[in-house]
Structure formats: C-alpha cells, structure tokens
Amino acid sequence: MTGVRLIAGLGNPGAKYEQTRHNVGAVFVRLAAERFGAALKPEARFKGELGVASIGDEPQVRLLIPDTYVNLSGDAVGAVLRYFKIEPVELLLVYDEMAFPPGVARLKEGGGDNGHNGVKDVIEKLSGFRNFWRLRVGVGHPGEAARVTAFLTSQRPPASERSVIEDSLHDAIAVLPDVVNGDWQKAMNRLHAPAGDADVEEKS
C-alpha cells in the first residue's frame, strides 16, 4: 500500500492555544520532529512550519504545522503537496477527535470531516479528495454542543487527561515507520491493540 511523505498536524497559532485540545495535531508533529531529528522552520510560502525527517524507508518525510487557524489548514497542506509533488494519498493528517476519549488514537483511511473544520478545509482545498490517511487523537467531549468551542480552543485539559493524551501521541509516533512504509495493517494492529477491540461509534 501507499506510504506517507507528508505528516501535517492541525492546531491554532499563538501561545494561548498551545495547550488546548484543538492543538494535539500540532503537538504530535513537534514530538515527531524531536523523535526523528527534524528541525521545524517557519516557511511563509507554505503558511506554516516545515521540516524534513528520515522515517522508516523514506529519507524525506515532510513534517508540517500550518500557522493558519484550523479552519484554513488546507491552504498550507495544499501548498506543500503541490510544491514537493506529493500525492494526496501520501498525506497523514493528524487532528483532535471528540468521538474518542483521551488516551485513544486511531488511524483511518478516508471518510468525511465528521464536523472537524480543519479536515473539512483540507478536503475542500484538495478539490474534494478525501481518501488520505488520518490519525485521530481522542480528546473527549464536553457533553453539550454549546460547550464544544470553549472545550477545544480555550480550556487546558487537566493533568490526568494531558498525561494519557501524550501517551497516545507517543504510541502513534512509535508506529510511524510502519505508516511511512505503507504497512498500515501492522501499524493499526500495534496502535489500536492497547485500547482493546471495542469500536467507538462515529459519523463519517
């Protein structure tokens, strides 16, 4: 199967958003850059921070954190794909997922945006293409729709949640060599096994 040449982690720019649930995708990319020795640098033409790492069998995997707000993430993702001639199927998009509790991270190929504005914008900027891979990082749900915006963008999770979310990010980083090599079944078996076999219902 096709592997990955671009890993993009979504989040809002600015210090006030750094520790919020909506920024777990950006946190993932920073941790991956540290793990694989990549330097992330601001690149105005790509509307984000960009780095390159050797992961698995691929010596040049691009790591991207858009510096736009989440709902405009497709601008940066599209720019990097076009410039480096990376096919959309070689994209891994990393973002927060309210359908999963903290501590759960799941890989998935294709699907809809499930109400995530960042994913929606990426799909739109890729002319409706949606069959890229996603890494969905569980952050939980506040229980009421009216509380979602503050829950994602204003509130810092308690220490207990931050700990299990970070553990799930490190678990996902551990399977990145398999992801990059296109060994998706092996990656999913390794990543999904710790949380058991129960599926979480979601819309897609």
N, C-alpha and C. Protein backbone atom coordinates (compact mmCIF):
# COMPACT_ATOMS: atom_id res chain seq x y z
N MET A 1 0.84 -1.20 0.00
CA MET A 1 0.00 0.00 0.00
C MET A 1 0.87 1.25 0.00
N THR A 2 0.26 2.36 -0.39
CA THR A 2 0.98 3.62 -0.44
C THR A 2 1.37 4.07 0.95
N GLY A 3 2.61 4.59 1.09
CA GLY A 3 3.08 5.10 2.35
C GLY A 3 2.82 6.60 2.47
N VAL A 4 3.57 7.24 3.33
CA VAL A 4 3.35 8.65 3.66
C VAL A 4 4.60 9.48 3.37
N ARG A 5 4.40 10.66 2.76
CA ARG A 5 5.51 11.58 2.54
C ARG A 5 5.26 12.95 3.16
N LEU A 6 4.04 13.17 3.67
CA LEU A 6 3.73 14.40 4.40
C LEU A 6 2.88 14.08 5.61
N ILE A 7 3.33 14.55 6.77
CA ILE A 7 2.57 14.44 8.02
C ILE A 7 2.24 15.85 8.46
N ALA A 8 0.96 16.18 8.51
CA ALA A 8 0.52 17.53 8.87
C ALA A 8 -0.32 17.45 10.14
N GLY A 9 0.05 18.26 11.13
CA GLY A 9 -0.66 18.28 12.41
C GLY A 9 -1.39 19.59 12.59
N LEU A 10 -2.69 19.52 12.87
CA LEU A 10 -3.52 20.71 12.92
C LEU A 10 -3.54 21.34 14.31
N GLY A 11 -3.67 22.67 14.31
CA GLY A 11 -3.77 23.43 15.55
C GLY A 11 -3.88 24.91 15.24
N ASN A 12 -4.27 25.68 16.23
CA ASN A 12 -4.35 27.13 16.07
C ASN A 12 -3.02 27.78 16.45
N PRO A 13 -2.64 28.87 15.79
CA PRO A 13 -1.36 29.53 16.10
C PRO A 13 -1.47 30.39 17.35
N GLY A 14 -0.33 30.62 18.00
CA GLY A 14 -0.30 31.52 19.15
C GLY A 14 -0.21 30.78 20.47
N ALA A 15 0.44 31.43 21.43
CA ALA A 15 0.72 30.79 22.72
C ALA A 15 -0.54 30.41 23.48
N LYS A 16 -1.62 31.17 23.33
CA LYS A 16 -2.82 30.89 24.13
C LYS A 16 -3.51 29.59 23.72
N TYR A 17 -3.18 29.07 22.55
CA TYR A 17 -3.80 27.83 22.08
C TYR A 17 -2.91 26.60 22.27
N GLU A 18 -1.66 26.80 22.64
CA GLU A 18 -0.68 25.71 22.60
C GLU A 18 -1.09 24.49 23.42
N GLN A 19 -1.70 24.70 24.58
CA GLN A 19 -2.02 23.58 25.47
C GLN A 19 -3.48 23.14 25.37
N THR A 20 -4.19 23.60 24.35
CA THR A 20 -5.60 23.25 24.22
C THR A 20 -5.78 21.95 23.44
N ARG A 21 -6.97 21.38 23.56
CA ARG A 21 -7.25 20.09 22.91
C ARG A 21 -7.20 20.20 21.38
N HIS A 22 -7.56 21.35 20.85
CA HIS A 22 -7.61 21.52 19.40
C HIS A 22 -6.21 21.47 18.77
N ASN A 23 -5.18 21.53 19.60
CA ASN A 23 -3.80 21.60 19.09
C ASN A 23 -3.03 20.30 19.21
N VAL A 24 -3.71 19.20 19.49
CA VAL A 24 -2.97 17.96 19.67
C VAL A 24 -2.27 17.52 18.39
N GLY A 25 -2.81 17.87 17.24
CA GLY A 25 -2.15 17.52 15.98
C GLY A 25 -0.81 18.21 15.84
N ALA A 26 -0.78 19.50 16.19
CA ALA A 26 0.47 20.25 16.15
C ALA A 26 1.47 19.70 17.16
N VAL A 27 0.98 19.34 18.35
CA VAL A 27 1.86 18.75 19.37
C VAL A 27 2.47 17.46 18.85
N PHE A 28 1.67 16.65 18.18
CA PHE A 28 2.17 15.40 17.63
C PHE A 28 3.33 15.63 16.67
N VAL A 29 3.18 16.60 15.78
CA VAL A 29 4.24 16.86 14.80
C VAL A 29 5.50 17.36 15.50
N ARG A 30 5.36 18.19 16.52
CA ARG A 30 6.55 18.65 17.25
C ARG A 30 7.26 17.48 17.93
N LEU A 31 6.50 16.58 18.52
CA LEU A 31 7.10 15.41 19.16
C LEU A 31 7.76 14.50 18.13
N ALA A 32 7.11 14.35 16.97
CA ALA A 32 7.69 13.52 15.91
C ALA A 32 8.98 14.13 15.38
N ALA A 33 8.99 15.46 15.23
CA ALA A 33 10.20 16.14 14.77
C ALA A 33 11.35 15.92 15.76
N GLU A 34 11.04 15.99 17.03
CA GLU A 34 12.07 15.75 18.06
C GLU A 34 12.56 14.31 18.01
N ARG A 35 11.62 13.38 17.87
CA ARG A 35 11.97 11.96 17.87
C ARG A 35 12.85 11.61 16.68
N PHE A 36 12.58 12.19 15.51
CA PHE A 36 13.30 11.80 14.30
C PHE A 36 14.32 12.84 13.85
N GLY A 37 14.62 13.81 14.71
CA GLY A 37 15.70 14.75 14.45
C GLY A 37 15.44 15.74 13.35
N ALA A 38 14.20 16.20 13.21
CA ALA A 38 13.87 17.19 12.18
C ALA A 38 13.75 18.57 12.80
N ALA A 39 14.25 19.57 12.10
CA ALA A 39 14.13 20.96 12.54
C ALA A 39 12.95 21.61 11.84
N LEU A 40 11.97 22.05 12.60
CA LEU A 40 10.82 22.74 12.04
C LEU A 40 11.13 24.23 11.92
N LYS A 41 10.95 24.78 10.72
CA LYS A 41 11.26 26.19 10.48
C LYS A 41 10.07 26.89 9.83
N PRO A 42 9.81 28.15 10.21
CA PRO A 42 8.72 28.89 9.57
C PRO A 42 9.00 29.06 8.07
N GLU A 43 8.01 28.76 7.27
CA GLU A 43 8.12 28.89 5.81
C GLU A 43 6.90 29.66 5.32
N ALA A 44 7.07 30.95 5.04
CA ALA A 44 5.94 31.80 4.68
C ALA A 44 5.21 31.29 3.44
N ARG A 45 5.95 30.79 2.45
CA ARG A 45 5.30 30.35 1.22
C ARG A 45 4.42 29.12 1.43
N PHE A 46 4.66 28.39 2.53
CA PHE A 46 3.86 27.22 2.83
C PHE A 46 2.88 27.47 3.97
N LYS A 47 2.86 28.69 4.48
CA LYS A 47 1.92 29.08 5.55
C LYS A 47 2.01 28.15 6.75
N GLY A 48 3.26 27.88 7.16
CA GLY A 48 3.43 27.00 8.31
C GLY A 48 4.88 26.75 8.65
N GLU A 49 5.07 25.90 9.64
CA GLU A 49 6.40 25.41 9.99
C GLU A 49 6.62 24.09 9.29
N LEU A 50 7.78 23.95 8.67
CA LEU A 50 8.05 22.77 7.85
C LEU A 50 9.40 22.19 8.20
N GLY A 51 9.48 20.88 8.22
CA GLY A 51 10.74 20.19 8.44
C GLY A 51 10.77 18.92 7.61
N VAL A 52 11.91 18.25 7.61
CA VAL A 52 12.04 17.00 6.86
C VAL A 52 12.77 16.00 7.74
N ALA A 53 12.27 14.76 7.72
CA ALA A 53 12.86 13.72 8.57
C ALA A 53 13.00 12.43 7.79
N SER A 54 13.96 11.63 8.21
CA SER A 54 14.10 10.27 7.69
C SER A 54 13.34 9.34 8.62
N ILE A 55 12.29 8.72 8.09
CA ILE A 55 11.44 7.83 8.89
C ILE A 55 11.21 6.56 8.10
N GLY A 56 11.40 5.43 8.74
CA GLY A 56 11.23 4.16 8.04
C GLY A 56 12.15 4.09 6.84
N ASP A 57 11.61 3.72 5.69
CA ASP A 57 12.41 3.60 4.47
C ASP A 57 12.41 4.87 3.63
N GLU A 58 11.78 5.94 4.14
CA GLU A 58 11.66 7.18 3.37
C GLU A 58 12.59 8.24 3.95
N PRO A 59 13.61 8.67 3.20
CA PRO A 59 14.59 9.64 3.74
C PRO A 59 14.06 11.07 3.82
N GLN A 60 12.95 11.37 3.15
CA GLN A 60 12.45 12.74 3.15
C GLN A 60 10.94 12.77 3.38
N VAL A 61 10.58 12.66 4.65
CA VAL A 61 9.18 12.82 5.05
C VAL A 61 9.01 14.26 5.52
N ARG A 62 8.10 15.01 4.91
CA ARG A 62 7.85 16.40 5.30
C ARG A 62 6.94 16.41 6.53
N LEU A 63 7.30 17.25 7.48
CA LEU A 63 6.51 17.46 8.69
C LEU A 63 6.00 18.90 8.67
N LEU A 64 4.69 19.08 8.82
CA LEU A 64 4.09 20.40 8.66
C LEU A 64 3.15 20.74 9.81
N ILE A 65 3.30 21.97 10.33
CA ILE A 65 2.31 22.55 11.23
C ILE A 65 1.83 23.85 10.59
N PRO A 66 0.61 23.88 10.06
CA PRO A 66 0.11 25.12 9.48
C PRO A 66 0.09 26.25 10.52
N ASP A 67 0.41 27.48 10.08
CA ASP A 67 0.33 28.60 11.02
C ASP A 67 -0.95 29.42 10.81
N THR A 68 -1.86 28.88 10.03
CA THR A 68 -3.19 29.45 9.91
C THR A 68 -4.06 28.89 11.04
N TYR A 69 -5.26 29.46 11.20
CA TYR A 69 -6.21 28.84 12.12
C TYR A 69 -6.66 27.51 11.53
N VAL A 70 -7.17 26.66 12.39
CA VAL A 70 -7.50 25.29 11.99
C VAL A 70 -8.42 25.26 10.78
N ASN A 71 -9.41 26.16 10.73
CA ASN A 71 -10.38 26.11 9.64
C ASN A 71 -9.82 26.56 8.29
N LEU A 72 -8.54 26.93 8.25
CA LEU A 72 -7.87 27.28 6.99
C LEU A 72 -6.66 26.38 6.73
N SER A 73 -6.63 25.24 7.37
CA SER A 73 -5.47 24.34 7.30
C SER A 73 -5.16 23.86 5.89
N GLY A 74 -6.17 23.80 5.04
CA GLY A 74 -5.96 23.29 3.69
C GLY A 74 -5.03 24.14 2.85
N ASP A 75 -4.91 25.43 3.18
CA ASP A 75 -4.01 26.29 2.41
C ASP A 75 -2.57 25.79 2.52
N ALA A 76 -2.13 25.51 3.75
CA ALA A 76 -0.76 25.05 3.96
C ALA A 76 -0.56 23.63 3.43
N VAL A 77 -1.49 22.75 3.73
CA VAL A 77 -1.37 21.37 3.29
C VAL A 77 -1.30 21.30 1.77
N GLY A 78 -2.19 22.01 1.10
CA GLY A 78 -2.19 22.01 -0.36
C GLY A 78 -0.92 22.57 -0.96
N ALA A 79 -0.39 23.63 -0.34
CA ALA A 79 0.83 24.26 -0.86
C ALA A 79 2.02 23.30 -0.80
N VAL A 80 2.15 22.57 0.31
CA VAL A 80 3.26 21.64 0.45
C VAL A 80 3.11 20.46 -0.51
N LEU A 81 1.91 19.94 -0.62
CA LEU A 81 1.69 18.82 -1.55
C LEU A 81 2.07 19.21 -2.96
N ARG A 82 1.63 20.39 -3.38
CA ARG A 82 1.91 20.81 -4.76
C ARG A 82 3.38 21.06 -5.00
N TYR A 83 4.04 21.76 -4.08
CA TYR A 83 5.44 22.15 -4.30
C TYR A 83 6.35 20.93 -4.35
N PHE A 84 6.13 19.98 -3.45
CA PHE A 84 7.01 18.82 -3.39
C PHE A 84 6.49 17.64 -4.21
N LYS A 85 5.42 17.89 -4.98
CA LYS A 85 4.86 16.86 -5.85
C LYS A 85 4.52 15.59 -5.07
N ILE A 86 3.87 15.80 -3.94
CA ILE A 86 3.40 14.70 -3.10
C ILE A 86 1.94 14.46 -3.42
N GLU A 87 1.58 13.22 -3.64
CA GLU A 87 0.19 12.88 -3.94
C GLU A 87 -0.66 12.97 -2.67
N PRO A 88 -1.91 13.41 -2.78
CA PRO A 88 -2.77 13.48 -1.60
C PRO A 88 -2.90 12.16 -0.85
N VAL A 89 -2.78 11.03 -1.55
CA VAL A 89 -2.86 9.73 -0.86
C VAL A 89 -1.65 9.48 0.02
N GLU A 90 -0.60 10.32 -0.12
CA GLU A 90 0.60 10.17 0.69
C GLU A 90 0.59 11.12 1.89
N LEU A 91 -0.58 11.66 2.20
CA LEU A 91 -0.75 12.58 3.32
C LEU A 91 -1.28 11.84 4.55
N LEU A 92 -0.69 12.12 5.71
CA LEU A 92 -1.25 11.72 7.01
C LEU A 92 -1.63 13.00 7.74
N LEU A 93 -2.92 13.18 7.99
CA LEU A 93 -3.42 14.36 8.68
C LEU A 93 -3.72 13.99 10.13
N VAL A 94 -3.17 14.77 11.05
CA VAL A 94 -3.28 14.47 12.48
C VAL A 94 -4.12 15.55 13.16
N TYR A 95 -5.16 15.14 13.90
CA TYR A 95 -6.05 16.13 14.49
C TYR A 95 -6.81 15.54 15.68
N ASP A 96 -7.46 16.44 16.42
CA ASP A 96 -8.23 16.07 17.60
C ASP A 96 -9.55 15.41 17.20
N GLU A 97 -9.97 14.42 18.00
CA GLU A 97 -11.21 13.69 17.72
C GLU A 97 -12.04 13.59 18.99
N MET A 98 -13.19 14.27 19.01
CA MET A 98 -14.06 14.25 20.18
C MET A 98 -14.82 12.94 20.34
N ALA A 99 -14.90 12.13 19.28
CA ALA A 99 -15.61 10.86 19.37
C ALA A 99 -14.85 9.84 20.21
N PHE A 100 -13.57 10.10 20.46
CA PHE A 100 -12.74 9.18 21.23
C PHE A 100 -12.37 9.81 22.57
N PRO A 101 -12.27 9.01 23.62
CA PRO A 101 -11.82 9.54 24.91
C PRO A 101 -10.32 9.83 24.89
N PRO A 102 -9.84 10.66 25.79
CA PRO A 102 -8.40 10.89 25.89
C PRO A 102 -7.66 9.57 26.09
N GLY A 103 -6.54 9.44 25.40
CA GLY A 103 -5.75 8.22 25.51
C GLY A 103 -5.94 7.26 24.35
N VAL A 104 -6.90 7.56 23.47
CA VAL A 104 -7.15 6.71 22.30
C VAL A 104 -6.71 7.45 21.05
N ALA A 105 -5.94 6.79 20.21
CA ALA A 105 -5.54 7.35 18.91
C ALA A 105 -5.79 6.28 17.86
N ARG A 106 -6.38 6.69 16.75
CA ARG A 106 -6.76 5.73 15.72
C ARG A 106 -6.35 6.20 14.33
N LEU A 107 -5.86 5.28 13.53
CA LEU A 107 -5.57 5.52 12.12
C LEU A 107 -6.80 5.17 11.29
N LYS A 108 -7.01 5.94 10.24
CA LYS A 108 -8.16 5.70 9.36
C LYS A 108 -7.85 6.22 7.97
N GLU A 109 -8.31 5.48 6.97
CA GLU A 109 -8.16 5.92 5.59
C GLU A 109 -9.48 6.50 5.09
N GLY A 110 -9.44 7.74 4.63
CA GLY A 110 -10.60 8.35 4.01
C GLY A 110 -11.73 8.65 4.99
N GLY A 111 -12.90 8.97 4.43
CA GLY A 111 -14.06 9.32 5.22
C GLY A 111 -14.40 10.78 5.09
N GLY A 112 -15.39 11.21 5.86
CA GLY A 112 -15.81 12.60 5.84
C GLY A 112 -15.02 13.43 6.82
N ASP A 113 -15.54 14.64 7.10
CA ASP A 113 -14.84 15.51 8.05
C ASP A 113 -15.35 15.35 9.47
N ASN A 114 -16.49 14.64 9.66
CA ASN A 114 -17.03 14.37 10.99
C ASN A 114 -17.18 15.64 11.82
N GLY A 115 -17.48 16.75 11.14
CA GLY A 115 -17.69 18.01 11.85
C GLY A 115 -16.43 18.77 12.20
N HIS A 116 -15.27 18.29 11.77
CA HIS A 116 -14.00 18.96 12.08
C HIS A 116 -13.69 19.97 10.98
N ASN A 117 -13.64 21.25 11.33
CA ASN A 117 -13.47 22.29 10.31
C ASN A 117 -12.11 22.24 9.62
N GLY A 118 -11.09 21.78 10.31
CA GLY A 118 -9.79 21.66 9.69
C GLY A 118 -9.78 20.58 8.61
N VAL A 119 -10.36 19.44 8.94
CA VAL A 119 -10.45 18.36 7.96
C VAL A 119 -11.32 18.80 6.78
N LYS A 120 -12.41 19.48 7.09
CA LYS A 120 -13.29 19.98 6.03
C LYS A 120 -12.54 20.88 5.06
N ASP A 121 -11.70 21.78 5.59
CA ASP A 121 -10.98 22.70 4.72
C ASP A 121 -9.92 21.97 3.89
N VAL A 122 -9.26 20.99 4.48
CA VAL A 122 -8.27 20.22 3.71
C VAL A 122 -8.96 19.52 2.55
N ILE A 123 -10.09 18.90 2.80
CA ILE A 123 -10.83 18.22 1.73
C ILE A 123 -11.22 19.22 0.64
N GLU A 124 -11.71 20.38 1.05
CA GLU A 124 -12.11 21.40 0.06
C GLU A 124 -10.92 21.86 -0.77
N LYS A 125 -9.76 22.10 -0.12
CA LYS A 125 -8.59 22.60 -0.84
C LYS A 125 -7.94 21.52 -1.71
N LEU A 126 -8.30 20.27 -1.44
CA LEU A 126 -7.83 19.17 -2.29
C LEU A 126 -8.90 18.79 -3.31
N SER A 127 -9.76 19.76 -3.63
CA SER A 127 -10.80 19.58 -4.66
C SER A 127 -11.73 18.41 -4.36
N GLY A 128 -12.02 18.24 -3.07
CA GLY A 128 -12.95 17.19 -2.67
C GLY A 128 -12.32 15.84 -2.41
N PHE A 129 -11.01 15.70 -2.63
CA PHE A 129 -10.34 14.43 -2.36
C PHE A 129 -10.33 14.16 -0.85
N ARG A 130 -10.76 12.98 -0.46
CA ARG A 130 -10.85 12.67 0.96
C ARG A 130 -10.19 11.36 1.36
N ASN A 131 -9.59 10.66 0.39
CA ASN A 131 -9.03 9.35 0.69
C ASN A 131 -7.58 9.40 1.17
N PHE A 132 -7.26 10.44 1.93
CA PHE A 132 -5.96 10.48 2.60
C PHE A 132 -6.11 9.82 3.97
N TRP A 133 -4.97 9.48 4.56
CA TRP A 133 -4.98 8.84 5.87
C TRP A 133 -5.09 9.90 6.96
N ARG A 134 -5.72 9.49 8.05
CA ARG A 134 -5.86 10.37 9.21
C ARG A 134 -5.37 9.66 10.47
N LEU A 135 -4.81 10.42 11.38
CA LEU A 135 -4.55 9.97 12.74
C LEU A 135 -5.42 10.83 13.65
N ARG A 136 -6.43 10.21 14.25
CA ARG A 136 -7.39 10.92 15.07
C ARG A 136 -7.03 10.71 16.54
N VAL A 137 -6.78 11.78 17.23
CA VAL A 137 -6.31 11.73 18.62
C VAL A 137 -7.47 12.09 19.54
N GLY A 138 -7.87 11.14 20.38
CA GLY A 138 -9.01 11.35 21.25
C GLY A 138 -8.79 12.44 22.28
N VAL A 139 -9.76 13.34 22.40
CA VAL A 139 -9.71 14.41 23.42
C VAL A 139 -10.97 14.45 24.25
N GLY A 140 -11.93 13.55 24.00
CA GLY A 140 -13.16 13.54 24.76
C GLY A 140 -14.16 14.57 24.26
N HIS A 141 -15.31 14.62 24.94
CA HIS A 141 -16.41 15.52 24.55
C HIS A 141 -16.95 16.18 25.81
N PRO A 142 -17.30 17.45 25.75
CA PRO A 142 -17.80 18.14 26.96
C PRO A 142 -19.20 17.73 27.35
N GLY A 143 -19.91 17.00 26.49
CA GLY A 143 -21.24 16.54 26.82
C GLY A 143 -22.37 17.38 26.27
N GLU A 144 -22.09 18.65 25.94
CA GLU A 144 -23.09 19.54 25.39
C GLU A 144 -22.50 20.28 24.20
N ALA A 145 -23.28 20.40 23.13
CA ALA A 145 -22.80 21.06 21.91
C ALA A 145 -22.40 22.51 22.17
N ALA A 146 -23.11 23.17 23.07
CA ALA A 146 -22.84 24.58 23.33
C ALA A 146 -21.48 24.81 23.99
N ARG A 147 -20.91 23.76 24.55
CA ARG A 147 -19.63 23.88 25.25
C ARG A 147 -18.44 23.47 24.40
N VAL A 148 -18.68 23.01 23.17
CA VAL A 148 -17.62 22.42 22.36
C VAL A 148 -16.50 23.41 22.04
N THR A 149 -16.85 24.62 21.60
CA THR A 149 -15.83 25.58 21.18
C THR A 149 -14.86 25.90 22.31
N ALA A 150 -15.39 26.22 23.47
CA ALA A 150 -14.53 26.52 24.62
C ALA A 150 -13.73 25.30 25.04
N PHE A 151 -14.36 24.13 25.00
CA PHE A 151 -13.71 22.87 25.37
C PHE A 151 -12.48 22.62 24.52
N LEU A 152 -12.59 22.90 23.22
CA LEU A 152 -11.50 22.63 22.30
C LEU A 152 -10.45 23.73 22.25
N THR A 153 -10.87 24.98 22.31
CA THR A 153 -9.96 26.09 22.00
C THR A 153 -9.57 26.97 23.17
N SER A 154 -10.24 26.83 24.30
CA SER A 154 -9.95 27.73 25.43
C SER A 154 -9.48 26.99 26.68
N GLN A 155 -10.02 25.82 26.91
CA GLN A 155 -9.73 25.10 28.15
C GLN A 155 -8.49 24.24 28.02
N ARG A 156 -7.65 24.32 29.02
CA ARG A 156 -6.50 23.41 29.09
C ARG A 156 -6.92 22.14 29.81
N PRO A 157 -6.70 20.97 29.22
CA PRO A 157 -7.12 19.73 29.89
C PRO A 157 -6.44 19.56 31.24
N PRO A 158 -7.10 18.89 32.19
CA PRO A 158 -6.45 18.61 33.47
C PRO A 158 -5.24 17.71 33.28
N ALA A 159 -4.39 17.68 34.28
CA ALA A 159 -3.13 16.94 34.17
C ALA A 159 -3.35 15.46 33.83
N SER A 160 -4.40 14.85 34.40
CA SER A 160 -4.65 13.44 34.14
C SER A 160 -4.95 13.19 32.66
N GLU A 161 -5.72 14.10 32.04
CA GLU A 161 -6.01 13.97 30.60
C GLU A 161 -4.78 14.23 29.76
N ARG A 162 -4.02 15.26 30.12
CA ARG A 162 -2.82 15.58 29.35
C ARG A 162 -1.87 14.39 29.32
N SER A 163 -1.78 13.70 30.44
CA SER A 163 -0.86 12.57 30.53
C SER A 163 -1.25 11.44 29.58
N VAL A 164 -2.53 11.09 29.56
CA VAL A 164 -2.94 9.97 28.70
C VAL A 164 -2.96 10.38 27.23
N ILE A 165 -3.25 11.65 26.95
CA ILE A 165 -3.18 12.12 25.56
C ILE A 165 -1.74 12.06 25.06
N GLU A 166 -0.81 12.51 25.89
CA GLU A 166 0.59 12.47 25.48
C GLU A 166 1.05 11.03 25.28
N ASP A 167 0.60 10.12 26.15
CA ASP A 167 0.95 8.70 25.96
C ASP A 167 0.45 8.20 24.60
N SER A 168 -0.77 8.60 24.23
CA SER A 168 -1.31 8.15 22.94
C SER A 168 -0.52 8.72 21.77
N LEU A 169 -0.02 9.95 21.93
CA LEU A 169 0.81 10.54 20.88
C LEU A 169 2.11 9.77 20.71
N HIS A 170 2.73 9.41 21.82
CA HIS A 170 3.98 8.65 21.75
C HIS A 170 3.74 7.26 21.17
N ASP A 171 2.60 6.65 21.51
CA ASP A 171 2.26 5.35 20.91
C ASP A 171 2.14 5.47 19.39
N ALA A 172 1.53 6.56 18.94
CA ALA A 172 1.38 6.77 17.50
C ALA A 172 2.71 7.05 16.82
N ILE A 173 3.57 7.80 17.48
CA ILE A 173 4.90 8.07 16.92
C ILE A 173 5.69 6.78 16.76
N ALA A 174 5.48 5.84 17.67
CA ALA A 174 6.22 4.57 17.60
C ALA A 174 5.88 3.76 16.35
N VAL A 175 4.68 3.98 15.78
CA VAL A 175 4.31 3.21 14.59
C VAL A 175 4.53 4.00 13.29
N LEU A 176 5.09 5.20 13.39
CA LEU A 176 5.30 6.00 12.19
C LEU A 176 6.19 5.31 11.14
N PRO A 177 7.23 4.57 11.52
CA PRO A 177 7.99 3.87 10.47
C PRO A 177 7.12 2.93 9.65
N ASP A 178 6.19 2.23 10.29
CA ASP A 178 5.28 1.35 9.55
C ASP A 178 4.34 2.17 8.67
N VAL A 179 3.85 3.29 9.20
CA VAL A 179 2.96 4.17 8.44
C VAL A 179 3.66 4.69 7.19
N VAL A 180 4.87 5.18 7.36
CA VAL A 180 5.61 5.73 6.24
C VAL A 180 5.91 4.66 5.19
N ASN A 181 6.16 3.46 5.65
CA ASN A 181 6.45 2.36 4.72
C ASN A 181 5.20 1.81 4.04
N GLY A 182 4.02 2.28 4.47
CA GLY A 182 2.78 1.78 3.88
C GLY A 182 2.32 0.47 4.46
N ASP A 183 2.90 0.06 5.59
CA ASP A 183 2.48 -1.18 6.26
C ASP A 183 1.37 -0.83 7.25
N TRP A 184 0.22 -0.47 6.70
CA TRP A 184 -0.87 0.09 7.51
C TRP A 184 -1.46 -0.93 8.48
N GLN A 185 -1.61 -2.17 8.04
CA GLN A 185 -2.20 -3.17 8.92
C GLN A 185 -1.33 -3.39 10.15
N LYS A 186 -0.03 -3.47 9.94
CA LYS A 186 0.88 -3.63 11.07
C LYS A 186 0.79 -2.44 12.01
N ALA A 187 0.77 -1.23 11.44
CA ALA A 187 0.68 -0.01 12.25
C ALA A 187 -0.61 0.01 13.06
N MET A 188 -1.73 -0.32 12.42
CA MET A 188 -3.01 -0.30 13.12
C MET A 188 -3.09 -1.39 14.18
N ASN A 189 -2.55 -2.56 13.88
CA ASN A 189 -2.54 -3.62 14.89
C ASN A 189 -1.78 -3.19 16.14
N ARG A 190 -0.66 -2.52 15.93
CA ARG A 190 0.16 -2.09 17.06
C ARG A 190 -0.47 -0.93 17.82
N LEU A 191 -1.01 0.04 17.08
CA LEU A 191 -1.55 1.24 17.72
C LEU A 191 -2.90 0.98 18.38
N HIS A 192 -3.75 0.20 17.73
CA HIS A 192 -5.10 0.04 18.22
C HIS A 192 -5.22 -1.01 19.31
N ALA A 193 -4.28 -1.94 19.38
CA ALA A 193 -4.39 -3.03 20.33
C ALA A 193 -4.43 -2.60 21.80
N PRO A 194 -3.61 -1.62 22.25
CA PRO A 194 -3.59 -1.31 23.69
C PRO A 194 -4.94 -0.90 24.26
N ALA A 195 -5.81 -0.28 23.43
CA ALA A 195 -7.10 0.17 23.94
C ALA A 195 -8.17 -0.90 23.82
N GLY A 196 -7.82 -2.08 23.36
CA GLY A 196 -8.79 -3.15 23.24
C GLY A 196 -9.46 -3.15 21.87
N ASP A 197 -10.43 -4.04 21.74
CA ASP A 197 -11.06 -4.22 20.45
C ASP A 197 -12.37 -3.46 20.30
N ALA A 198 -12.84 -2.80 21.35
CA ALA A 198 -14.12 -2.11 21.26
C ALA A 198 -14.04 -0.94 20.31
N ASP A 199 -14.99 -0.85 19.40
CA ASP A 199 -15.06 0.26 18.45
C ASP A 199 -15.88 1.38 19.04
N VAL A 200 -15.49 2.61 18.69
CA VAL A 200 -16.24 3.77 19.12
C VAL A 200 -17.11 4.22 17.96
N GLU A 201 -18.39 4.39 18.20
CA GLU A 201 -19.29 4.80 17.13
C GLU A 201 -19.01 6.23 16.72
N GLU A 202 -19.06 6.48 15.43
CA GLU A 202 -18.81 7.82 14.91
C GLU A 202 -19.52 8.02 13.60
N LYS A 203 -19.63 9.25 13.20
CA LYS A 203 -20.16 9.58 11.89
C LYS A 203 -19.00 9.86 10.96
N SER A 204 -19.14 9.50 9.69
CA SER A 204 -18.08 9.80 8.73
C SER A 204 -18.61 10.07 7.37
